Amino acid sequence: MASHADVPPGDQLRAAVSILSSAAADRQWGGAPVVRVRAGGLQLGDGRGVVDAAAVYQAARGLVGALLDDLVQSTGRDLDDVVGPWLLSLEVREAFAGVDGV
């Protein structure tokens, strides 16, 4: 049986903003917020609080879910037609990474 982590929405939102900002900065858009590793989790930006791995995972899951929803709506394709090729692409990359040691 699957269970979901009980992560406060504010923590998820802070992590989602950090993930999106960092990914955009990797693509030369805006600036990446500073992320520091602390004993209790990750400190995102200049805030004093930290978020744990569950908050980061749930935030990333929410962002990918929103992307999937948008892709399905904007392309008119079924979710299977969006997710299947994407997963295959990632699995192929993973297989090649294992061979190349990258």
C-alpha atoms as a PDB file:
ATOM      1  CA  MET A   1       0.000   0.000   0.000  1.00  0.00           C
ATOM      2  CA  ALA A   2       1.361   3.406  -0.957  1.00  0.00           C
ATOM      3  CA  SER A   3       1.522   6.207   1.538  1.00  0.00           C
ATOM      4  CA  HIS A   4       2.312   9.846   1.059  1.00  0.00           C
ATOM      5  CA  ALA A   5       4.530  11.934   3.273  1.00  0.00           C
ATOM      6  CA  ASP A   6       2.695  14.509   5.358  1.00  0.00           C
ATOM      7  CA  VAL A   7       4.544  17.586   4.146  1.00  0.00           C
ATOM      8  CA  PRO A   8       3.301  21.083   5.000  1.00  0.00           C
ATOM      9  CA  PRO A   9       2.160  22.916   1.844  1.00  0.00           C
ATOM     10  CA  GLY A  10       4.415  25.883   2.655  1.00  0.00           C
ATOM     11  CA  ASP A  11       7.509  23.653   2.685  1.00  0.00           C
ATOM     12  CA  GLN A  12       6.460  22.080  -0.617  1.00  0.00           C
ATOM     13  CA  LEU A  13       5.913  25.494  -2.173  1.00  0.00           C
ATOM     14  CA  ARG A  14       9.307  26.828  -1.001  1.00  0.00           C
ATOM     15  CA  ALA A  15      11.025  23.736  -2.380  1.00  0.00           C
ATOM     16  CA  ALA A  16       9.102  23.978  -5.675  1.00  0.00           C
ATOM     17  CA  VAL A  17      10.112  27.616  -6.116  1.00  0.00           C
ATOM     18  CA  SER A  18      13.744  26.702  -5.421  1.00  0.00           C
ATOM     19  CA  ILE A  19      13.694  23.765  -7.854  1.00  0.00           C
ATOM     20  CA  LEU A  20      12.069  25.817 -10.617  1.00  0.00           C
ATOM     21  CA  SER A  21      14.381  28.801 -10.067  1.00  0.00           C
ATOM     22  CA  SER A  22      17.470  26.591 -10.082  1.00  0.00           C
ATOM     23  CA  ALA A  23      16.386  24.757 -13.245  1.00  0.00           C
ATOM     24  CA  ALA A  24      15.695  28.092 -14.970  1.00  0.00           C
ATOM     25  CA  ALA A  25      19.077  29.478 -13.866  1.00  0.00           C
ATOM     26  CA  ASP A  26      20.743  26.367 -15.319  1.00  0.00           C
ATOM     27  CA  ARG A  27      19.249  27.538 -18.607  1.00  0.00           C
ATOM     28  CA  GLN A  28      20.536  31.119 -18.192  1.00  0.00           C
ATOM     29  CA  TRP A  29      17.243  32.578 -16.908  1.00  0.00           C
ATOM     30  CA  GLY A  30      17.367  34.539 -13.680  1.00  0.00           C
ATOM     31  CA  GLY A  31      19.563  33.623 -10.752  1.00  0.00           C
ATOM     32  CA  ALA A  32      19.661  30.425  -8.778  1.00  0.00           C
ATOM     33  CA  PRO A  33      18.815  30.686  -5.094  1.00  0.00           C
ATOM     34  CA  VAL A  34      21.511  29.534  -2.729  1.00  0.00           C
ATOM     35  CA  VAL A  35      20.823  26.067  -1.331  1.00  0.00           C
ATOM     36  CA  ARG A  36      22.757  24.995   1.746  1.00  0.00           C
ATOM     37  CA  VAL A  37      22.879  21.517   3.239  1.00  0.00           C
ATOM     38  CA  ARG A  38      22.155  21.625   6.965  1.00  0.00           C
ATOM     39  CA  ALA A  39      21.887  18.873   9.551  1.00  0.00           C
ATOM     40  CA  GLY A  40      18.068  19.028   9.509  1.00  0.00           C
ATOM     41  CA  GLY A  41      17.622  19.359   5.745  1.00  0.00           C
ATOM     42  CA  LEU A  42      18.105  21.979   3.046  1.00  0.00           C
ATOM     43  CA  GLN A  43      18.127  25.717   3.653  1.00  0.00           C
ATOM     44  CA  LEU A  44      16.583  27.348   0.588  1.00  0.00           C
ATOM     45  CA  GLY A  45      17.669  30.898  -0.104  1.00  0.00           C
ATOM     46  CA  ASP A  46      18.158  33.284   2.776  1.00  0.00           C
ATOM     47  CA  GLY A  47      15.388  31.897   4.994  1.00  0.00           C
ATOM     48  CA  ARG A  48      16.307  30.398   8.334  1.00  0.00           C
ATOM     49  CA  GLY A  49      14.094  27.321   8.104  1.00  0.00           C
ATOM     50  CA  VAL A  50      15.054  24.059   6.458  1.00  0.00           C
ATOM     51  CA  VAL A  51      13.028  21.604   4.413  1.00  0.00           C
ATOM     52  CA  ASP A  52      13.550  17.870   4.495  1.00  0.00           C
ATOM     53  CA  ALA A  53      13.867  15.384   1.654  1.00  0.00           C
ATOM     54  CA  ALA A  54      10.146  14.579   1.737  1.00  0.00           C
ATOM     55  CA  ALA A  55       9.278  18.235   1.075  1.00  0.00           C
ATOM     56  CA  VAL A  56      11.716  18.424  -1.834  1.00  0.00           C
ATOM     57  CA  TYR A  57      10.407  15.162  -3.305  1.00  0.00           C
ATOM     58  CA  GLN A  58       6.761  16.209  -2.989  1.00  0.00           C
ATOM     59  CA  ALA A  59       7.576  19.599  -4.532  1.00  0.00           C
ATOM     60  CA  ALA A  60       9.356  17.998  -7.484  1.00  0.00           C
ATOM     61  CA  ARG A  61       6.475  15.561  -7.891  1.00  0.00           C
ATOM     62  CA  GLY A  62       4.013  18.454  -7.942  1.00  0.00           C
ATOM     63  CA  LEU A  63       6.053  20.336 -10.540  1.00  0.00           C
ATOM     64  CA  VAL A  64       6.306  17.301 -12.811  1.00  0.00           C
ATOM     65  CA  GLY A  65       2.579  16.668 -12.341  1.00  0.00           C
ATOM     66  CA  ALA A  66       1.785  20.227 -13.405  1.00  0.00           C
ATOM     67  CA  LEU A  67       4.051  19.808 -16.436  1.00  0.00           C
ATOM     68  CA  LEU A  68       2.285  16.553 -17.381  1.00  0.00           C
ATOM     69  CA  ASP A  69      -1.129  18.214 -17.023  1.00  0.00           C
ATOM     70  CA  ASP A  70       0.002  21.066 -19.263  1.00  0.00           C
ATOM     71  CA  LEU A  71       1.486  18.727 -21.877  1.00  0.00           C
ATOM     72  CA  VAL A  72      -1.697  16.653 -22.019  1.00  0.00           C
ATOM     73  CA  GLN A  73      -3.877  19.753 -22.331  1.00  0.00           C
ATOM     74  CA  SER A  74      -1.701  21.658 -24.812  1.00  0.00           C
ATOM     75  CA  THR A  75      -1.006  18.695 -27.111  1.00  0.00           C
ATOM     76  CA  GLY A  76      -4.372  16.951 -26.845  1.00  0.00           C
ATOM     77  CA  ARG A  77      -2.520  13.665 -26.305  1.00  0.00           C
ATOM     78  CA  ASP A  78      -3.389  11.018 -23.730  1.00  0.00           C
ATOM     79  CA  LEU A  79      -1.291  10.788 -20.580  1.00  0.00           C
ATOM     80  CA  ASP A  80       0.024   7.400 -21.775  1.00  0.00           C
ATOM     81  CA  ASP A  81       1.291   9.045 -24.974  1.00  0.00           C
ATOM     82  CA  VAL A  82       3.145  11.682 -22.965  1.00  0.00           C
ATOM     83  CA  VAL A  83       4.541   9.571 -20.120  1.00  0.00           C
ATOM     84  CA  GLY A  84       5.515   6.454 -22.100  1.00  0.00           C
ATOM     85  CA  PRO A  85       8.060   8.087 -24.434  1.00  0.00           C
ATOM     86  CA  TRP A  86       9.407  10.281 -21.628  1.00  0.00           C
ATOM     87  CA  LEU A  87      10.028   7.273 -19.378  1.00  0.00           C
ATOM     88  CA  LEU A  88      11.580   5.347 -22.264  1.00  0.00           C
ATOM     89  CA  SER A  89      13.927   8.262 -22.944  1.00  0.00           C
ATOM     90  CA  LEU A  90      14.989   8.381 -19.290  1.00  0.00           C
ATOM     91  CA  GLU A  91      15.472   4.603 -19.143  1.00  0.00           C
ATOM     92  CA  VAL A  92      17.661   4.697 -22.266  1.00  0.00           C
ATOM     93  CA  ARG A  93      19.733   7.521 -20.766  1.00  0.00           C
ATOM     94  CA  GLU A  94      20.073   5.529 -17.544  1.00  0.00           C
ATOM     95  CA  ALA A  95      21.205   2.453 -19.474  1.00  0.00           C
ATOM     96  CA  PHE A  96      23.820   4.426 -21.413  1.00  0.00           C
ATOM     97  CA  ALA A  97      24.995   6.163 -18.252  1.00  0.00           C
ATOM     98  CA  GLY A  98      25.593   2.747 -16.705  1.00  0.00           C
ATOM     99  CA  VAL A  99      27.681   1.694 -19.694  1.00  0.00           C
ATOM    100  CA  ASP A 100      29.615   4.947 -19.931  1.00  0.00           C
ATOM    101  CA  GLY A 101      30.055   5.335 -16.181  1.00  0.00           C
ATOM    102  CA  VAL A 102      28.757   8.916 -16.413  1.00  0.00           C
END
